[in-house]
Amino acid sequence: MKIDAFKQFHLVRRMAPILAELIPAMAEISKVQKKKKSNSEEEKFDQLAKFLSPVITGISKLSDEDSDKVLMGLLEAVEMKQAEFGNWARLVSNGNLMFQDLDLATMLQCAGRAFMYNLQGFFSALPQKS
């Protein structure tokens, strides 16, 4: 599901400290990948660490309130298929998590996918370096 433009704005605003640290890391990784056609497992791990480090640092700086707003805002746009019923249900409704058995890894994966789906237009609108 798409998140409305105002909610997207507020999500990006709250994520700004993370994005500010992430963009230089992504540029660095892009340079390395362009220079080398194939990377060893160790190089891939180093690139992942360069990418994750600013994300983890940025997340740690968010207040609990901002963290909740970002996660809940993203998860409001996610639906999960209920195998036993064959229908789809929202993960968050009216600010409440609808699946109490949702684990952290699944929640973060859903939020990450909702972030990329909803904000891909924002990132493609940024000026690209060549």
Protein backbone atom coordinates (compact mmCIF):
# COMPACT_ATOMS: atom_id res chain seq x y z
CA MET A 1 0.00 0.00 0.00
CA LYS A 2 1.10 3.53 -0.61
CA ILE A 3 1.60 5.95 2.28
CA ASP A 4 0.21 9.43 1.63
CA ALA A 5 2.67 12.19 0.75
CA PHE A 6 2.46 13.96 4.13
CA LYS A 7 3.22 10.78 6.04
CA GLN A 8 6.09 10.08 3.63
CA PHE A 9 7.45 13.56 4.36
CA HIS A 10 7.32 13.02 8.12
CA LEU A 11 8.97 9.60 7.79
CA VAL A 12 11.82 11.06 5.74
CA ARG A 13 12.11 13.97 8.19
CA ARG A 14 12.49 11.59 11.12
CA MET A 15 14.87 9.38 9.15
CA ALA A 16 17.03 12.35 8.04
CA PRO A 17 19.86 11.67 10.53
CA ILE A 18 20.14 8.10 9.23
CA LEU A 19 19.88 9.11 5.58
CA ALA A 20 22.52 11.83 6.04
CA GLU A 21 25.01 9.21 7.23
CA LEU A 22 23.88 6.57 4.76
CA ILE A 23 24.26 8.51 1.51
CA PRO A 24 28.08 8.93 1.74
CA ALA A 25 28.42 5.23 2.64
CA MET A 26 26.33 4.25 -0.38
CA ALA A 27 28.44 6.50 -2.63
CA GLU A 28 31.62 4.87 -1.32
CA ILE A 29 30.24 1.37 -1.93
CA SER A 30 29.17 2.38 -5.43
CA LYS A 31 32.70 3.59 -6.24
CA VAL A 32 34.24 0.34 -5.01
CA GLN A 33 31.78 -1.77 -7.00
CA LYS A 34 32.44 0.16 -10.20
CA LYS A 35 36.19 -0.38 -9.88
CA LYS A 36 35.92 -4.13 -9.30
CA LYS A 37 33.85 -6.46 -11.41
CA SER A 38 33.72 -9.25 -8.84
CA ASN A 39 34.05 -9.02 -5.09
CA SER A 40 35.29 -11.63 -2.65
CA GLU A 41 33.12 -12.61 0.29
CA GLU A 42 35.35 -10.52 2.55
CA GLU A 43 34.88 -7.45 0.34
CA LYS A 44 31.12 -7.99 0.29
CA PHE A 45 31.12 -8.19 4.08
CA ASP A 46 33.14 -4.95 4.31
CA GLN A 47 30.68 -3.21 1.99
CA LEU A 48 27.74 -4.46 4.04
CA ALA A 49 29.43 -3.20 7.22
CA LYS A 50 29.96 0.24 5.61
CA PHE A 51 26.28 0.31 4.71
CA LEU A 52 24.95 -0.97 8.05
CA SER A 53 27.18 1.11 10.30
CA PRO A 54 25.47 4.46 9.59
CA VAL A 55 22.05 2.81 9.71
CA ILE A 56 22.71 1.32 13.13
CA THR A 57 24.26 4.56 14.39
CA GLY A 58 21.33 6.59 13.10
CA ILE A 59 18.73 4.25 14.55
CA SER A 60 20.43 4.39 17.94
CA LYS A 61 20.11 8.19 17.91
CA LEU A 62 16.35 8.19 17.26
CA SER A 63 14.14 8.76 20.26
CA ASP A 64 11.74 5.97 21.20
CA GLU A 65 8.87 8.18 20.02
CA ASP A 66 10.46 8.81 16.61
CA SER A 67 11.37 5.14 16.25
CA ASP A 68 7.79 4.11 16.99
CA LYS A 69 6.39 6.70 14.57
CA VAL A 70 8.68 5.55 11.77
CA LEU A 71 8.02 1.84 12.31
CA MET A 72 4.28 2.20 12.84
CA GLY A 73 4.02 4.59 9.90
CA LEU A 74 5.74 2.12 7.61
CA LEU A 75 3.94 -0.95 8.97
CA GLU A 76 0.54 0.73 8.47
CA ALA A 77 1.19 0.26 4.75
CA VAL A 78 1.91 -3.48 5.05
CA GLU A 79 -0.55 -6.33 4.74
CA MET A 80 0.16 -9.95 5.58
CA LYS A 81 -1.56 -12.91 4.00
CA GLN A 82 -3.29 -15.07 6.57
CA ALA A 83 -2.77 -18.61 5.36
CA GLU A 84 -5.57 -20.16 7.39
CA PHE A 85 -8.17 -17.66 6.13
CA GLY A 86 -6.77 -16.88 2.68
CA ASN A 87 -7.23 -13.12 3.13
CA TRP A 88 -4.94 -10.18 3.78
CA ALA A 89 -4.73 -8.21 7.02
CA ARG A 90 -2.87 -5.05 7.93
CA LEU A 91 0.06 -5.38 10.31
CA VAL A 92 -0.90 -2.14 12.05
CA SER A 93 -4.37 -0.70 12.41
CA ASN A 94 -5.20 2.48 14.36
CA GLY A 95 -1.71 2.52 15.85
CA ASN A 96 -1.93 -1.06 17.14
CA LEU A 97 0.14 -4.02 16.04
CA MET A 98 -2.34 -6.63 14.85
CA PHE A 99 -0.02 -9.65 15.02
CA GLN A 100 1.41 -10.15 18.49
CA ASP A 101 3.57 -13.05 17.33
CA LEU A 102 5.49 -10.90 14.82
CA ASP A 103 9.22 -11.19 15.47
CA LEU A 104 11.80 -8.40 15.19
CA ALA A 105 13.43 -9.68 11.99
CA THR A 106 10.10 -9.96 10.16
CA MET A 107 8.94 -6.57 11.43
CA LEU A 108 12.14 -4.85 10.26
CA GLN A 109 12.04 -6.62 6.91
CA CYS A 110 8.43 -5.50 6.37
CA ALA A 111 9.27 -1.93 7.41
CA GLY A 112 12.31 -1.89 5.12
CA ARG A 113 10.31 -3.06 2.13
CA ALA A 114 7.55 -0.54 2.87
CA PHE A 115 10.20 2.18 3.13
CA MET A 116 11.74 1.31 -0.24
CA TYR A 117 8.36 0.87 -1.94
CA ASN A 118 6.93 4.14 -0.65
CA LEU A 119 10.02 6.31 -0.87
CA GLN A 120 11.72 5.07 -4.04
CA GLY A 121 10.41 8.13 -5.90
CA PHE A 122 12.02 10.42 -3.34
CA PHE A 123 15.43 8.85 -3.84
CA SER A 124 15.18 8.80 -7.63
CA ALA A 125 14.41 12.55 -7.54
CA LEU A 126 17.70 13.30 -5.79
CA PRO A 127 20.52 14.54 -8.02
CA GLN A 128 22.71 11.69 -9.24
CA LYS A 129 26.48 11.92 -9.35
CA SER A 130 28.21 10.45 -12.37
